[in-house]
């Protein structure tokens, strides 16, 4: 299991855009307090993504989670005869 990053994906993408915009990766890494290897990992994982894509993905995941919880409650009510 991968450990949770202290940086949100949005922050990582902004750092990648900064380095793509001409800033040296070493300078970006030092400013953020991470290694250059971390910047390379972010580029590999998030390289082509845009911040608005990440936000939309999070929004859709939250909706799916909410509906999944609701659907399982309805299933339980139907299967076990429980009513809210």
N, C-alpha and C. Protein backbone atom coordinates (compact mmCIF):
# COMPACT_ATOMS: atom_id res chain seq x y z
N UNK A 1 0.85 -1.18 0.00
CA UNK A 1 0.00 0.00 0.00
C UNK A 1 0.89 1.25 0.00
N UNK A 2 0.57 2.15 -0.89
CA UNK A 2 1.36 3.37 -1.01
C UNK A 2 0.99 4.33 0.10
N UNK A 3 2.00 4.98 0.67
CA UNK A 3 1.71 5.91 1.76
C UNK A 3 1.17 7.21 1.19
N UNK A 4 0.36 7.88 1.99
CA UNK A 4 -0.29 9.12 1.55
C UNK A 4 0.74 10.23 1.43
N UNK A 5 0.67 10.94 0.32
CA UNK A 5 1.58 12.05 0.06
C UNK A 5 1.17 13.27 0.88
N UNK A 6 2.16 14.08 1.24
CA UNK A 6 1.82 15.32 1.92
C UNK A 6 1.43 16.41 0.92
N UNK A 7 1.54 16.09 -0.37
CA UNK A 7 1.16 17.02 -1.42
C UNK A 7 -0.07 16.50 -2.14
N UNK A 8 -1.03 17.38 -2.35
CA UNK A 8 -2.20 17.01 -3.15
C UNK A 8 -1.77 16.90 -4.61
N UNK A 9 -2.50 16.12 -5.39
CA UNK A 9 -2.17 15.98 -6.81
C UNK A 9 -2.14 17.33 -7.51
N UNK A 10 -3.02 18.24 -7.10
CA UNK A 10 -3.05 19.57 -7.71
C UNK A 10 -1.73 20.30 -7.49
N UNK A 11 -1.18 20.18 -6.28
CA UNK A 11 0.10 20.83 -5.98
C UNK A 11 1.22 20.21 -6.81
N UNK A 12 1.18 18.90 -6.95
CA UNK A 12 2.20 18.21 -7.73
C UNK A 12 2.14 18.65 -9.19
N UNK A 13 0.93 18.75 -9.73
CA UNK A 13 0.78 19.17 -11.12
C UNK A 13 1.27 20.59 -11.31
N UNK A 14 0.96 21.47 -10.37
CA UNK A 14 1.44 22.86 -10.47
C UNK A 14 2.97 22.91 -10.45
N UNK A 15 3.59 22.07 -9.62
CA UNK A 15 5.05 22.01 -9.58
C UNK A 15 5.60 21.52 -10.91
N UNK A 16 4.94 20.54 -11.52
CA UNK A 16 5.38 20.04 -12.82
C UNK A 16 5.24 21.11 -13.89
N UNK A 17 4.15 21.86 -13.85
CA UNK A 17 3.96 22.95 -14.83
C UNK A 17 5.06 24.00 -14.66
N UNK A 18 5.41 24.26 -13.42
CA UNK A 18 6.47 25.23 -13.14
C UNK A 18 7.79 24.76 -13.75
N UNK A 19 8.11 23.48 -13.56
CA UNK A 19 9.37 22.97 -14.11
C UNK A 19 9.31 22.89 -15.63
N UNK A 20 8.12 22.62 -16.19
CA UNK A 20 7.96 22.61 -17.65
C UNK A 20 8.07 24.02 -18.21
N UNK A 21 7.73 25.01 -17.39
CA UNK A 21 7.76 26.40 -17.82
C UNK A 21 9.15 27.01 -17.82
N UNK A 22 10.16 26.24 -17.49
CA UNK A 22 11.52 26.75 -17.56
C UNK A 22 12.28 26.71 -16.25
N UNK A 23 11.61 26.56 -15.13
CA UNK A 23 12.32 26.47 -13.85
C UNK A 23 13.06 25.14 -13.78
N UNK A 24 14.22 25.15 -13.17
CA UNK A 24 14.99 23.91 -13.04
C UNK A 24 14.31 22.99 -12.03
N UNK A 25 14.29 21.69 -12.35
CA UNK A 25 13.65 20.73 -11.47
C UNK A 25 14.29 20.73 -10.09
N UNK A 26 15.60 20.90 -10.04
CA UNK A 26 16.29 20.94 -8.75
C UNK A 26 15.82 22.10 -7.90
N UNK A 27 15.60 23.26 -8.54
CA UNK A 27 15.13 24.44 -7.80
C UNK A 27 13.70 24.23 -7.28
N UNK A 28 12.84 23.66 -8.13
CA UNK A 28 11.46 23.39 -7.73
C UNK A 28 11.46 22.39 -6.57
N UNK A 29 12.27 21.34 -6.69
CA UNK A 29 12.34 20.31 -5.64
C UNK A 29 12.81 20.91 -4.32
N UNK A 30 13.84 21.73 -4.35
CA UNK A 30 14.36 22.35 -3.12
C UNK A 30 13.30 23.25 -2.48
N UNK A 31 12.61 24.03 -3.30
CA UNK A 31 11.59 24.95 -2.78
C UNK A 31 10.47 24.18 -2.08
N UNK A 32 10.13 23.01 -2.62
CA UNK A 32 9.06 22.21 -2.04
C UNK A 32 9.54 21.28 -0.92
N UNK A 33 10.86 21.12 -0.82
CA UNK A 33 11.40 20.23 0.20
C UNK A 33 11.30 18.76 -0.17
N UNK A 34 11.37 18.47 -1.47
CA UNK A 34 11.35 17.09 -1.95
C UNK A 34 12.61 16.83 -2.77
N UNK A 35 12.83 15.57 -3.11
CA UNK A 35 13.99 15.24 -3.95
C UNK A 35 13.64 15.40 -5.42
N UNK A 36 14.65 15.47 -6.26
CA UNK A 36 14.41 15.52 -7.70
C UNK A 36 13.73 14.23 -8.15
N UNK A 37 14.06 13.11 -7.50
CA UNK A 37 13.43 11.84 -7.83
C UNK A 37 11.91 11.91 -7.67
N UNK A 38 11.47 12.63 -6.64
CA UNK A 38 10.03 12.81 -6.43
C UNK A 38 9.41 13.56 -7.59
N UNK A 39 10.08 14.59 -8.07
CA UNK A 39 9.60 15.35 -9.22
C UNK A 39 9.47 14.42 -10.43
N UNK A 40 10.47 13.56 -10.64
CA UNK A 40 10.42 12.62 -11.77
C UNK A 40 9.26 11.64 -11.60
N UNK A 41 9.03 11.17 -10.36
CA UNK A 41 7.89 10.26 -10.10
C UNK A 41 6.57 10.94 -10.40
N UNK A 42 6.44 12.20 -9.96
CA UNK A 42 5.22 12.96 -10.23
C UNK A 42 5.01 13.08 -11.74
N UNK A 43 6.10 13.37 -12.46
CA UNK A 43 6.01 13.54 -13.90
C UNK A 43 5.55 12.24 -14.56
N UNK A 44 6.05 11.12 -14.06
CA UNK A 44 5.66 9.82 -14.60
C UNK A 44 4.18 9.52 -14.32
N UNK A 45 3.73 9.86 -13.12
CA UNK A 45 2.37 9.54 -12.70
C UNK A 45 1.35 10.55 -13.19
N UNK A 46 1.70 11.84 -13.20
CA UNK A 46 0.73 12.90 -13.46
C UNK A 46 1.07 13.78 -14.65
N UNK A 47 2.11 13.43 -15.37
CA UNK A 47 2.67 14.30 -16.40
C UNK A 47 1.70 14.97 -17.34
N UNK A 48 0.75 14.23 -17.91
CA UNK A 48 -0.14 14.82 -18.90
C UNK A 48 -1.42 15.37 -18.33
N UNK A 49 -1.60 15.30 -17.02
CA UNK A 49 -2.88 15.72 -16.43
C UNK A 49 -2.92 17.22 -16.18
N UNK A 50 -4.12 17.73 -16.16
CA UNK A 50 -4.36 19.13 -15.82
C UNK A 50 -5.05 19.17 -14.46
N UNK A 51 -4.91 20.26 -13.75
CA UNK A 51 -5.50 20.40 -12.42
C UNK A 51 -7.01 20.21 -12.47
N UNK A 52 -7.66 20.78 -13.48
CA UNK A 52 -9.12 20.66 -13.56
C UNK A 52 -9.55 19.20 -13.78
N UNK A 53 -8.72 18.37 -14.41
CA UNK A 53 -9.03 16.95 -14.59
C UNK A 53 -9.04 16.25 -13.24
N UNK A 54 -8.05 16.58 -12.40
CA UNK A 54 -7.96 15.96 -11.07
C UNK A 54 -9.20 16.35 -10.24
N UNK A 55 -9.57 17.63 -10.29
CA UNK A 55 -10.74 18.09 -9.54
C UNK A 55 -12.00 17.37 -10.00
N UNK A 56 -12.17 17.20 -11.31
CA UNK A 56 -13.34 16.50 -11.85
C UNK A 56 -13.33 15.03 -11.42
N UNK A 57 -12.18 14.41 -11.44
CA UNK A 57 -12.06 13.02 -11.01
C UNK A 57 -12.46 12.87 -9.54
N UNK A 58 -11.99 13.79 -8.69
CA UNK A 58 -12.36 13.77 -7.28
C UNK A 58 -13.86 13.94 -7.10
N UNK A 59 -14.45 14.86 -7.87
CA UNK A 59 -15.88 15.12 -7.78
C UNK A 59 -16.68 13.87 -8.16
N UNK A 60 -16.28 13.23 -9.25
CA UNK A 60 -16.98 12.02 -9.70
C UNK A 60 -16.81 10.87 -8.71
N UNK A 61 -15.62 10.76 -8.12
CA UNK A 61 -15.39 9.72 -7.13
C UNK A 61 -16.27 9.93 -5.91
N UNK A 62 -16.40 11.19 -5.47
CA UNK A 62 -17.25 11.49 -4.32
C UNK A 62 -18.71 11.16 -4.61
N UNK A 63 -19.16 11.46 -5.82
CA UNK A 63 -20.54 11.15 -6.20
C UNK A 63 -20.73 9.63 -6.20
N UNK A 64 -19.77 8.92 -6.78
CA UNK A 64 -19.86 7.46 -6.84
C UNK A 64 -19.90 6.87 -5.44
N UNK A 65 -19.07 7.41 -4.53
CA UNK A 65 -19.06 6.93 -3.15
C UNK A 65 -20.40 7.15 -2.47
N UNK A 66 -20.97 8.35 -2.67
CA UNK A 66 -22.26 8.68 -2.07
C UNK A 66 -23.35 7.76 -2.60
N UNK A 67 -23.40 7.57 -3.91
CA UNK A 67 -24.42 6.71 -4.48
C UNK A 67 -24.21 5.26 -4.09
N UNK A 68 -22.95 4.84 -3.96
CA UNK A 68 -22.66 3.48 -3.54
C UNK A 68 -23.17 3.22 -2.13
N UNK A 69 -23.01 4.17 -1.24
CA UNK A 69 -23.50 4.05 0.13
C UNK A 69 -25.02 4.00 0.14
N UNK A 70 -25.63 4.87 -0.64
CA UNK A 70 -27.09 4.91 -0.72
C UNK A 70 -27.62 3.59 -1.30
N UNK A 71 -27.00 3.11 -2.35
CA UNK A 71 -27.45 1.87 -2.99
C UNK A 71 -27.33 0.68 -2.05
N UNK A 72 -26.27 0.63 -1.26
CA UNK A 72 -26.13 -0.50 -0.33
C UNK A 72 -27.19 -0.43 0.78
N UNK A 73 -27.57 0.78 1.22
CA UNK A 73 -28.64 0.92 2.21
C UNK A 73 -29.97 0.43 1.65
N UNK A 74 -30.24 0.81 0.41
CA UNK A 74 -31.48 0.38 -0.24
C UNK A 74 -31.48 -1.14 -0.39
N UNK A 75 -30.34 -1.70 -0.81
CA UNK A 75 -30.24 -3.16 -0.95
C UNK A 75 -30.50 -3.85 0.38
N UNK A 76 -29.92 -3.32 1.46
CA UNK A 76 -30.12 -3.90 2.78
C UNK A 76 -31.58 -3.84 3.20
N UNK A 77 -32.24 -2.72 2.91
CA UNK A 77 -33.65 -2.59 3.25
C UNK A 77 -34.49 -3.61 2.49
N UNK A 78 -34.17 -3.80 1.24
CA UNK A 78 -34.92 -4.75 0.42
C UNK A 78 -34.64 -6.18 0.90
N UNK A 79 -33.35 -6.50 1.10
CA UNK A 79 -32.98 -7.87 1.45
C UNK A 79 -33.40 -8.25 2.87
N UNK A 80 -33.34 -7.32 3.79
CA UNK A 80 -33.57 -7.65 5.19
C UNK A 80 -34.86 -7.06 5.75
N UNK A 81 -35.58 -6.34 4.93
CA UNK A 81 -36.86 -5.78 5.38
C UNK A 81 -36.72 -4.65 6.37
N UNK A 82 -35.54 -4.03 6.45
CA UNK A 82 -35.32 -2.91 7.37
C UNK A 82 -35.80 -1.63 6.70
N UNK A 83 -36.35 -0.76 7.48
CA UNK A 83 -36.78 0.53 6.96
C UNK A 83 -36.13 1.63 7.76
N UNK A 84 -35.74 2.68 7.08
CA UNK A 84 -35.04 3.78 7.74
C UNK A 84 -35.96 4.60 8.61
